[in-house]
N, C-alpha and C. Protein backbone atom coordinates (compact mmCIF):
# COMPACT_ATOMS: atom_id res chain seq x y z
N MET A 1 0.23 -0.78 0.03
CA MET A 1 0.18 -0.06 0.08
C MET A 1 0.80 0.86 -0.01
N SER A 2 -0.25 1.82 -0.50
CA SER A 2 1.17 3.22 -1.08
C SER A 2 0.85 4.59 0.93
N ASP A 3 2.53 4.73 0.90
CA ASP A 3 2.16 5.33 1.60
C ASP A 3 2.11 7.61 1.60
N ILE A 4 2.01 7.47 0.54
CA ILE A 4 1.93 9.00 0.31
C ILE A 4 0.84 8.93 0.91
N VAL A 5 -0.58 8.45 0.85
CA VAL A 5 -1.70 8.72 1.23
C VAL A 5 -1.53 7.91 3.12
N MET A 6 -2.46 9.18 4.06
CA MET A 6 -1.99 8.44 5.33
C MET A 6 -3.91 8.96 5.52
N HIS A 7 -5.10 9.20 5.28
CA HIS A 7 -6.04 9.51 5.48
C HIS A 7 -7.09 8.73 3.60
N TRP A 8 -7.13 7.45 3.23
CA TRP A 8 -7.25 7.44 1.92
C TRP A 8 -9.13 7.68 2.04
N GLU A 9 -9.69 7.66 3.13
CA GLU A 9 -11.34 7.90 3.25
C GLU A 9 -11.56 9.25 2.98
N ASP A 10 -10.24 10.05 3.41
CA ASP A 10 -10.86 11.65 2.61
C ASP A 10 -10.90 11.87 0.66
N LEU A 11 -10.09 11.02 0.37
CA LEU A 11 -10.15 10.97 -1.15
C LEU A 11 -11.47 11.09 -2.09
N LYS A 12 -12.34 10.61 -1.21
CA LYS A 12 -13.98 10.31 -2.32
C LYS A 12 -13.83 11.83 -3.27
N SER A 13 -14.11 11.83 -4.17
CA SER A 13 -14.10 12.60 -5.58
C SER A 13 -12.68 13.68 -5.69
N LYS A 14 -11.59 13.12 -5.34
CA LYS A 14 -10.46 13.81 -6.18
C LYS A 14 -10.48 13.84 -6.77
N MET A 15 -9.02 14.27 -8.25
CA MET A 15 -9.38 14.07 -9.34
C MET A 15 -7.68 13.33 -9.35
N VAL A 16 -7.92 12.60 -10.25
CA VAL A 16 -7.13 11.16 -10.33
C VAL A 16 -6.50 12.50 -12.05
N THR A 17 -4.65 12.12 -12.03
CA THR A 17 -4.49 12.00 -12.86
C THR A 17 -3.03 11.16 -12.90
N ALA A 18 -3.33 10.45 -14.71
CA ALA A 18 -2.09 9.81 -14.89
C ALA A 18 -0.76 10.23 -15.77
N LYS A 19 0.15 10.35 -15.22
CA LYS A 19 0.96 10.67 -16.64
C LYS A 19 0.69 12.08 -17.05
N GLY A 20 0.32 13.24 -16.57
CA GLY A 20 -0.32 14.00 -17.08
C GLY A 20 -1.35 14.42 -17.93
N LYS A 21 -2.21 13.83 -17.61
CA LYS A 21 -3.83 13.73 -18.34
C LYS A 21 -5.50 12.81 -17.41
N ARG A 22 -5.68 14.49 -17.20
CA ARG A 22 -6.50 14.07 -16.18
C ARG A 22 -7.39 12.54 -16.88
N VAL A 23 -7.12 11.41 -15.25
CA VAL A 23 -8.40 10.82 -16.00
C VAL A 23 -9.45 10.63 -15.52
N GLY A 24 -10.14 11.49 -14.13
CA GLY A 24 -11.16 11.42 -13.60
C GLY A 24 -11.06 11.25 -11.48
N ASN A 25 -12.82 10.97 -11.08
CA ASN A 25 -12.33 11.61 -9.75
C ASN A 25 -12.64 9.64 -8.96
N ILE A 26 -11.84 9.62 -8.25
CA ILE A 26 -12.40 7.94 -6.74
C ILE A 26 -13.63 8.42 -6.09
N VAL A 27 -14.06 6.91 -6.89
CA VAL A 27 -15.16 7.14 -6.39
C VAL A 27 -15.73 6.34 -5.10
N ASP A 28 -14.58 5.21 -5.45
CA ASP A 28 -14.90 4.71 -4.32
C ASP A 28 -13.18 4.08 -3.44
N ILE A 29 -13.29 3.01 -2.32
CA ILE A 29 -12.01 3.20 -1.47
C ILE A 29 -11.88 2.36 -0.71
N LEU A 30 -11.61 1.28 -2.27
CA LEU A 30 -11.44 -0.32 -1.46
C LEU A 30 -9.76 -0.79 -0.17
N ASP A 31 -9.81 -1.99 0.25
CA ASP A 31 -8.35 -2.29 1.03
C ASP A 31 -7.43 -1.58 0.52
N ASP A 32 -7.20 -2.33 -0.49
CA ASP A 32 -6.15 -2.10 -1.55
C ASP A 32 -5.58 -1.76 -2.91
N ASP A 33 -7.19 -1.28 -3.40
CA ASP A 33 -6.71 -0.47 -4.20
C ASP A 33 -8.29 0.46 -4.36
N PHE A 34 -8.24 1.27 -5.56
CA PHE A 34 -9.26 2.69 -5.12
C PHE A 34 -10.04 2.19 -6.54
N VAL A 35 -11.51 3.38 -7.06
CA VAL A 35 -12.77 2.98 -7.97
C VAL A 35 -11.87 4.38 -8.19
N ILE A 36 -11.89 4.68 -9.34
CA ILE A 36 -11.91 5.67 -10.62
C ILE A 36 -12.81 5.40 -11.37
N GLN A 37 -13.50 6.71 -11.29
CA GLN A 37 -14.41 7.00 -12.24
C GLN A 37 -14.45 8.22 -13.91
N ASN A 38 -14.31 8.22 -14.59
CA ASN A 38 -14.38 9.40 -15.77
C ASN A 38 -16.11 9.47 -15.93
N SER A 39 -15.83 10.80 -17.18
CA SER A 39 -16.59 11.42 -17.75
C SER A 39 -17.85 10.45 -18.26
N ARG A 40 -17.47 9.67 -18.64
CA ARG A 40 -18.47 8.34 -19.30
C ARG A 40 -18.83 7.45 -18.79
N ARG A 41 -19.11 8.37 -17.28
CA ARG A 41 -19.07 6.62 -16.53
C ARG A 41 -18.05 5.01 -15.98
N THR A 42 -17.15 5.07 -17.16
CA THR A 42 -16.00 3.98 -17.22
C THR A 42 -15.82 3.62 -16.01
N LYS A 43 -15.11 2.88 -14.93
CA LYS A 43 -14.99 1.97 -14.50
C LYS A 43 -13.49 2.10 -13.79
N TYR A 44 -12.45 1.98 -13.43
CA TYR A 44 -10.82 1.47 -13.14
C TYR A 44 -10.73 1.34 -11.99
N ARG A 45 -10.70 -0.24 -11.25
CA ARG A 45 -10.10 -0.90 -10.05
C ARG A 45 -8.32 -0.38 -9.67
N VAL A 46 -8.02 0.67 -9.30
CA VAL A 46 -6.33 1.02 -9.57
C VAL A 46 -5.56 0.18 -8.12
N PRO A 47 -4.95 -0.78 -7.99
CA PRO A 47 -4.46 -0.86 -6.95
C PRO A 47 -3.82 0.34 -6.05
N LYS A 48 -3.28 0.44 -4.89
CA LYS A 48 -3.34 1.73 -3.74
C LYS A 48 -1.55 1.98 -4.42
N SER A 49 -0.92 0.74 -4.31
CA SER A 49 0.41 1.36 -4.92
C SER A 49 0.78 1.69 -6.16
N HIS A 50 0.13 1.86 -6.55
CA HIS A 50 0.33 2.70 -8.37
C HIS A 50 0.34 3.94 -8.13
N VAL A 51 -0.37 4.67 -6.57
CA VAL A 51 -0.20 6.15 -6.59
C VAL A 51 1.75 6.48 -5.93
N ASN A 52 2.00 8.10 -7.57
CA ASN A 52 3.27 8.82 -7.10
C ASN A 52 3.39 9.86 -5.87
N GLN A 53 1.87 10.51 -6.07
CA GLN A 53 2.40 12.17 -5.70
C GLN A 53 0.51 12.25 -5.48
N TYR A 54 0.26 13.04 -4.44
CA TYR A 54 -1.03 13.42 -3.84
C TYR A 54 -0.30 14.68 -3.28
N ASN A 55 -1.06 15.88 -3.69
CA ASN A 55 -0.61 17.08 -3.40
C ASN A 55 -1.68 18.21 -2.32
N GLY A 56 -2.52 16.95 -1.95
CA GLY A 56 -3.83 17.05 -1.50
C GLY A 56 -5.15 18.03 -1.83
N TYR A 57 -4.57 17.15 -3.45
CA TYR A 57 -5.66 18.36 -4.28
C TYR A 57 -6.27 17.49 -5.37
N GLU A 58 -4.80 16.84 -5.55
CA GLU A 58 -5.07 15.55 -6.74
C GLU A 58 -4.52 14.26 -6.81
N ILE A 59 -4.21 13.35 -7.30
CA ILE A 59 -4.01 11.98 -7.13
C ILE A 59 -2.93 11.79 -8.69
N PHE A 60 -1.95 11.38 -8.35
CA PHE A 60 -0.57 11.83 -9.54
C PHE A 60 -0.45 9.52 -9.37
N LEU A 61 -1.30 9.42 -10.73
CA LEU A 61 -0.31 7.66 -11.09
C LEU A 61 0.86 7.64 -11.51
N ASP A 62 1.75 6.40 -11.74
CA ASP A 62 2.66 6.37 -11.78
C ASP A 62 2.66 4.83 -13.33
N PHE A 63 2.12 5.29 -14.41
CA PHE A 63 1.64 5.11 -15.40
C PHE A 63 1.23 5.58 -16.14
N SER A 64 0.18 5.86 -17.40
CA SER A 64 0.11 6.56 -18.56
C SER A 64 -1.39 6.01 -18.26
N SER A 65 -2.41 6.99 -18.55
CA SER A 65 -3.95 6.91 -19.12
C SER A 65 -3.59 5.45 -19.94
N LYS A 66 -2.60 5.81 -21.04
CA LYS A 66 -3.27 4.02 -21.43
C LYS A 66 -3.06 3.13 -21.54
N GLU A 67 -2.60 2.81 -20.11
CA GLU A 67 -2.24 1.70 -19.15
C GLU A 67 -3.23 1.56 -18.16
N LEU A 68 -4.26 2.27 -18.13
CA LEU A 68 -5.01 2.40 -17.67
C LEU A 68 -6.15 1.69 -17.56
N ARG A 69 -5.97 1.07 -18.94
CA ARG A 69 -7.59 0.69 -19.29
C ARG A 69 -6.78 -0.83 -19.00
N LYS A 70 -5.91 -0.76 -18.34
CA LYS A 70 -6.11 -2.71 -18.20
C LYS A 70 -6.60 -3.15 -16.76
N TYR A 71 -6.65 -1.72 -15.99
CA TYR A 71 -7.76 -1.84 -14.37
C TYR A 71 -9.75 -1.25 -14.96
N LYS A 72 -10.02 -1.42 -16.09
CA LYS A 72 -11.38 -1.31 -15.99
C LYS A 72 -12.01 -2.19 -15.77
N THR A 73 -12.85 -2.24 -14.78
CA THR A 73 -13.99 -3.21 -13.97
C THR A 73 -15.60 -3.36 -14.95
N ARG A 74 -16.30 -4.31 -15.40
CA ARG A 74 -17.35 -4.60 -15.36
C ARG A 74 -18.34 -3.61 -15.60
N HIS A 75 -17.93 -3.08 -14.00
CA HIS A 75 -19.48 -3.36 -12.92
C HIS A 75 -19.41 -1.41 -13.11
């Protein structure tokens, strides 16, 4: 789990950026993952370990928006 974020429960609705491109907002926090939803209502379940930085307003991932596709959920 990422040590960058101390209080995951406070991150709902925060913006998420993957290598320079905004990809959506956090809509759910799970034990080891968090769920991002984009403007098309597509959801992605991403391991917390992929958080590279958090500035208090926005989460930055350690991979590109193209790589986000592999975390797409069916729900």
